Amino acid sequence: MPQYEVKAPSGRKLVVEARDSSQAKRLACKKWGLKPSDYWCGVTSLKARRVDR
């Protein structure tokens, strides 16, 4: 499964294994205790990019 680096506007970073970037963002929200549907700190505010490690 590919790995994605998810970045929050606050500067937090997290590397997760996910099917796609959308799932990676949702997993990051769950890990950080954020509500995915929140406009300011949920999925829409996160950026995910695939990393090869």
PDB file of N, CA and C in Angstrom:
ATOM      1  N   MET A   1       0.853  -1.180   0.000  1.00  0.00           N
ATOM      2  CA  MET A   1       0.000   0.000   0.000  1.00  0.00           C
ATOM      3  C   MET A   1       0.899   1.244   0.000  1.00  0.00           C
ATOM      4  N   PRO A   2       0.585   2.254  -0.815  1.00  0.00           N
ATOM      5  CA  PRO A   2       1.422   3.459  -0.883  1.00  0.00           C
ATOM      6  C   PRO A   2       1.360   4.289   0.402  1.00  0.00           C
ATOM      7  N   GLN A   3       2.394   5.078   0.597  1.00  0.00           N
ATOM      8  CA  GLN A   3       2.446   5.970   1.745  1.00  0.00           C
ATOM      9  C   GLN A   3       2.207   7.403   1.284  1.00  0.00           C
ATOM     10  N   TYR A   4       1.525   8.159   2.142  1.00  0.00           N
ATOM     11  CA  TYR A   4       1.229   9.561   1.863  1.00  0.00           C
ATOM     12  C   TYR A   4       1.678  10.413   3.038  1.00  0.00           C
ATOM     13  N   GLU A   5       2.246  11.569   2.719  1.00  0.00           N
ATOM     14  CA  GLU A   5       2.591  12.547   3.750  1.00  0.00           C
ATOM     15  C   GLU A   5       1.463  13.573   3.786  1.00  0.00           C
ATOM     16  N   VAL A   6       0.831  13.686   4.932  1.00  0.00           N
ATOM     17  CA  VAL A   6      -0.291  14.611   5.083  1.00  0.00           C
ATOM     18  C   VAL A   6       0.182  15.816   5.882  1.00  0.00           C
ATOM     19  N   LYS A   7      -0.095  17.008   5.353  1.00  0.00           N
ATOM     20  CA  LYS A   7       0.308  18.249   6.016  1.00  0.00           C
ATOM     21  C   LYS A   7      -0.919  19.071   6.374  1.00  0.00           C
ATOM     22  N   ALA A   8      -0.897  19.618   7.581  1.00  0.00           N
ATOM     23  CA  ALA A   8      -1.956  20.515   8.038  1.00  0.00           C
ATOM     24  C   ALA A   8      -1.460  21.952   7.890  1.00  0.00           C
ATOM     25  N   PRO A   9      -2.367  22.921   7.793  1.00  0.00           N
ATOM     26  CA  PRO A   9      -1.956  24.320   7.699  1.00  0.00           C
ATOM     27  C   PRO A   9      -1.131  24.775   8.911  1.00  0.00           C
ATOM     28  N   SER A  10      -1.320  24.113  10.028  1.00  0.00           N
ATOM     29  CA  SER A  10      -0.586  24.485  11.238  1.00  0.00           C
ATOM     30  C   SER A  10       0.869  24.023  11.199  1.00  0.00           C
ATOM     31  N   GLY A  11       1.224  23.190  10.209  1.00  0.00           N
ATOM     32  CA  GLY A  11       2.595  22.717  10.086  1.00  0.00           C
ATOM     33  C   GLY A  11       2.791  21.273  10.513  1.00  0.00           C
ATOM     34  N   ARG A  12       1.762  20.665  11.077  1.00  0.00           N
ATOM     35  CA  ARG A  12       1.872  19.258  11.474  1.00  0.00           C
ATOM     36  C   ARG A  12       2.006  18.371  10.248  1.00  0.00           C
ATOM     37  N   LYS A  13       2.792  17.299  10.385  1.00  0.00           N
ATOM     38  CA  LYS A  13       2.968  16.343   9.303  1.00  0.00           C
ATOM     39  C   LYS A  13       2.768  14.939   9.846  1.00  0.00           C
ATOM     40  N   LEU A  14       2.286  14.063   8.974  1.00  0.00           N
ATOM     41  CA  LEU A  14       2.065  12.674   9.344  1.00  0.00           C
ATOM     42  C   LEU A  14       2.196  11.822   8.086  1.00  0.00           C
ATOM     43  N   VAL A  15       2.893  10.698   8.198  1.00  0.00           N
ATOM     44  CA  VAL A  15       3.009   9.759   7.082  1.00  0.00           C
ATOM     45  C   VAL A  15       2.121   8.560   7.397  1.00  0.00           C
ATOM     46  N   VAL A  16       1.195   8.255   6.482  1.00  0.00           N
ATOM     47  CA  VAL A  16       0.259   7.151   6.674  1.00  0.00           C
ATOM     48  C   VAL A  16       0.210   6.277   5.426  1.00  0.00           C
ATOM     49  N   GLU A  17      -0.174   5.033   5.622  1.00  0.00           N
ATOM     50  CA  GLU A  17      -0.413   4.128   4.492  1.00  0.00           C
ATOM     51  C   GLU A  17      -1.893   4.187   4.151  1.00  0.00           C
ATOM     52  N   ALA A  18      -2.191   4.420   2.863  1.00  0.00           N
ATOM     53  CA  ALA A  18      -3.587   4.554   2.440  1.00  0.00           C
ATOM     54  C   ALA A  18      -3.719   4.205   0.965  1.00  0.00           C
ATOM     55  N   ARG A  19      -4.974   3.939   0.541  1.00  0.00           N
ATOM     56  CA  ARG A  19      -5.258   3.642  -0.865  1.00  0.00           C
ATOM     57  C   ARG A  19      -5.042   4.857  -1.754  1.00  0.00           C
ATOM     58  N   ASP A  20      -5.480   6.027  -1.254  1.00  0.00           N
ATOM     59  CA  ASP A  20      -5.378   7.255  -2.025  1.00  0.00           C
ATOM     60  C   ASP A  20      -5.231   8.438  -1.069  1.00  0.00           C
ATOM     61  N   SER A  21      -5.094   9.631  -1.633  1.00  0.00           N
ATOM     62  CA  SER A  21      -4.865  10.807  -0.805  1.00  0.00           C
ATOM     63  C   SER A  21      -6.079  11.152   0.065  1.00  0.00           C
ATOM     64  N   SER A  22      -7.270  10.879  -0.435  1.00  0.00           N
ATOM     65  CA  SER A  22      -8.483  11.160   0.339  1.00  0.00           C
ATOM     66  C   SER A  22      -8.523  10.314   1.608  1.00  0.00           C
ATOM     67  N   GLN A  23      -8.212   9.033   1.477  1.00  0.00           N
ATOM     68  CA  GLN A  23      -8.195   8.163   2.647  1.00  0.00           C
ATOM     69  C   GLN A  23      -7.074   8.588   3.597  1.00  0.00           C
ATOM     70  N   ALA A  24      -5.948   9.019   3.059  1.00  0.00           N
ATOM     71  CA  ALA A  24      -4.834   9.466   3.893  1.00  0.00           C
ATOM     72  C   ALA A  24      -5.244  10.672   4.741  1.00  0.00           C
ATOM     73  N   LYS A  25      -5.966  11.604   4.143  1.00  0.00           N
ATOM     74  CA  LYS A  25      -6.432  12.783   4.886  1.00  0.00           C
ATOM     75  C   LYS A  25      -7.402  12.387   5.987  1.00  0.00           C
ATOM     76  N   ARG A  26      -8.297  11.458   5.695  1.00  0.00           N
ATOM     77  CA  ARG A  26      -9.255  11.003   6.711  1.00  0.00           C
ATOM     78  C   ARG A  26      -8.544  10.296   7.862  1.00  0.00           C
ATOM     79  N   LEU A  27      -7.536   9.479   7.549  1.00  0.00           N
ATOM     80  CA  LEU A  27      -6.777   8.799   8.595  1.00  0.00           C
ATOM     81  C   LEU A  27      -6.014   9.803   9.461  1.00  0.00           C
ATOM     82  N   ALA A  28      -5.484  10.857   8.839  1.00  0.00           N
ATOM     83  CA  ALA A  28      -4.775  11.891   9.588  1.00  0.00           C
ATOM     84  C   ALA A  28      -5.739  12.620  10.525  1.00  0.00           C
ATOM     85  N   CYS A  29      -6.934  12.929  10.052  1.00  0.00           N
ATOM     86  CA  CYS A  29      -7.939  13.576  10.904  1.00  0.00           C
ATOM     87  C   CYS A  29      -8.246  12.693  12.112  1.00  0.00           C
ATOM     88  N   LYS A  30      -8.412  11.406  11.875  1.00  0.00           N
ATOM     89  CA  LYS A  30      -8.719  10.469  12.957  1.00  0.00           C
ATOM     90  C   LYS A  30      -7.576  10.435  13.969  1.00  0.00           C
ATOM     91  N   LYS A  31      -6.343  10.395  13.481  1.00  0.00           N
ATOM     92  CA  LYS A  31      -5.165  10.343  14.349  1.00  0.00           C
ATOM     93  C   LYS A  31      -5.035  11.615  15.187  1.00  0.00           C
ATOM     94  N   TRP A  32      -5.324  12.772  14.572  1.00  0.00           N
ATOM     95  CA  TRP A  32      -5.195  14.055  15.258  1.00  0.00           C
ATOM     96  C   TRP A  32      -6.441  14.439  16.054  1.00  0.00           C
ATOM     97  N   GLY A  33      -7.499  13.645  15.951  1.00  0.00           N
ATOM     98  CA  GLY A  33      -8.718  13.934  16.689  1.00  0.00           C
ATOM     99  C   GLY A  33      -9.537  15.076  16.099  1.00  0.00           C
ATOM    100  N   LEU A  34      -9.449  15.254  14.793  1.00  0.00           N
ATOM    101  CA  LEU A  34     -10.193  16.313  14.112  1.00  0.00           C
ATOM    102  C   LEU A  34     -11.423  15.731  13.435  1.00  0.00           C
ATOM    103  N   LYS A  35     -12.413  16.568  13.237  1.00  0.00           N
ATOM    104  CA  LYS A  35     -13.624  16.166  12.528  1.00  0.00           C
ATOM    105  C   LYS A  35     -13.369  16.361  11.024  1.00  0.00           C
ATOM    106  N   PRO A  36     -13.419  15.285  10.220  1.00  0.00           N
ATOM    107  CA  PRO A  36     -13.105  15.394   8.787  1.00  0.00           C
ATOM    108  C   PRO A  36     -13.962  16.401   8.030  1.00  0.00           C
ATOM    109  N   SER A  37     -15.192  16.609   8.449  1.00  0.00           N
ATOM    110  CA  SER A  37     -16.081  17.525   7.725  1.00  0.00           C
ATOM    111  C   SER A  37     -15.911  18.988   8.126  1.00  0.00           C
ATOM    112  N   ASP A  38     -15.063  19.278   9.094  1.00  0.00           N
ATOM    113  CA  ASP A  38     -14.824  20.662   9.528  1.00  0.00           C
ATOM    114  C   ASP A  38     -14.101  21.421   8.415  1.00  0.00           C
ATOM    115  N   TYR A  39     -14.669  22.555   7.995  1.00  0.00           N
ATOM    116  CA  TYR A  39     -14.103  23.317   6.879  1.00  0.00           C
ATOM    117  C   TYR A  39     -12.716  23.857   7.195  1.00  0.00           C
ATOM    118  N   TRP A  40     -12.477  24.322   8.406  1.00  0.00           N
ATOM    119  CA  TRP A  40     -11.227  25.009   8.743  1.00  0.00           C
ATOM    120  C   TRP A  40     -10.086  24.069   9.098  1.00  0.00           C
ATOM    121  N   CYS A  41     -10.387  22.913   9.667  1.00  0.00           N
ATOM    122  CA  CYS A  41      -9.286  22.021  10.049  1.00  0.00           C
ATOM    123  C   CYS A  41      -9.533  20.577   9.644  1.00  0.00           C
ATOM    124  N   GLY A  42     -10.486  20.326   8.774  1.00  0.00           N
ATOM    125  CA  GLY A  42     -10.793  18.970   8.331  1.00  0.00           C
ATOM    126  C   GLY A  42     -10.097  18.615   7.026  1.00  0.00           C
ATOM    127  N   VAL A  43     -10.680  17.697   6.293  1.00  0.00           N
ATOM    128  CA  VAL A  43     -10.088  17.167   5.064  1.00  0.00           C
ATOM    129  C   VAL A  43      -9.796  18.257   4.040  1.00  0.00           C
ATOM    130  N   THR A  44     -10.664  19.255   3.917  1.00  0.00           N
ATOM    131  CA  THR A  44     -10.475  20.284   2.881  1.00  0.00           C
ATOM    132  C   THR A  44      -9.245  21.147   3.132  1.00  0.00           C
ATOM    133  N   SER A  45      -8.804  21.253   4.368  1.00  0.00           N
ATOM    134  CA  SER A  45      -7.651  22.098   4.666  1.00  0.00           C
ATOM    135  C   SER A  45      -6.330  21.340   4.604  1.00  0.00           C
ATOM    136  N   LEU A  46      -6.376  20.009   4.519  1.00  0.00           N
ATOM    137  CA  LEU A  46      -5.159  19.197   4.511  1.00  0.00           C
ATOM    138  C   LEU A  46      -4.635  18.990   3.102  1.00  0.00           C
ATOM    139  N   LYS A  47      -3.340  18.750   3.011  1.00  0.00           N
ATOM    140  CA  LYS A  47      -2.714  18.414   1.732  1.00  0.00           C
ATOM    141  C   LYS A  47      -2.014  17.076   1.902  1.00  0.00           C
ATOM    142  N   ALA A  48      -2.185  16.193   0.932  1.00  0.00           N
ATOM    143  CA  ALA A  48      -1.558  14.877   0.987  1.00  0.00           C
ATOM    144  C   ALA A  48      -0.796  14.634  -0.314  1.00  0.00           C
ATOM    145  N   ARG A  49       0.423  14.147  -0.166  1.00  0.00           N
ATOM    146  CA  ARG A  49       1.188  13.799  -1.361  1.00  0.00           C
ATOM    147  C   ARG A  49       1.835  12.442  -1.154  1.00  0.00           C
ATOM    148  N   ARG A  50       1.941  11.706  -2.239  1.00  0.00           N
ATOM    149  CA  ARG A  50       2.488  10.351  -2.183  1.00  0.00           C
ATOM    150  C   ARG A  50       4.001  10.425  -2.001  1.00  0.00           C
ATOM    151  N   VAL A  51       4.534   9.602  -1.130  1.00  0.00           N
ATOM    152  CA  VAL A  51       5.980   9.543  -0.905  1.00  0.00           C
ATOM    153  C   VAL A  51       6.465   8.120  -1.160  1.00  0.00           C
ATOM    154  N   ASP A  52       7.659   8.024  -1.697  1.00  0.00           N
ATOM    155  CA  ASP A  52       8.277   6.714  -1.911  1.00  0.00           C
ATOM    156  C   ASP A  52       9.401   6.569  -0.911  1.00  0.00           C
ATOM    157  N   ARG A  53       9.265   5.585  -0.047  1.00  0.00           N
ATOM    158  CA  ARG A  53      10.286   5.376   0.983  1.00  0.00           C
ATOM    159  C   ARG A  53      10.802   3.984   0.915  1.00  0.00           C
TER     160      ARG A  53
END
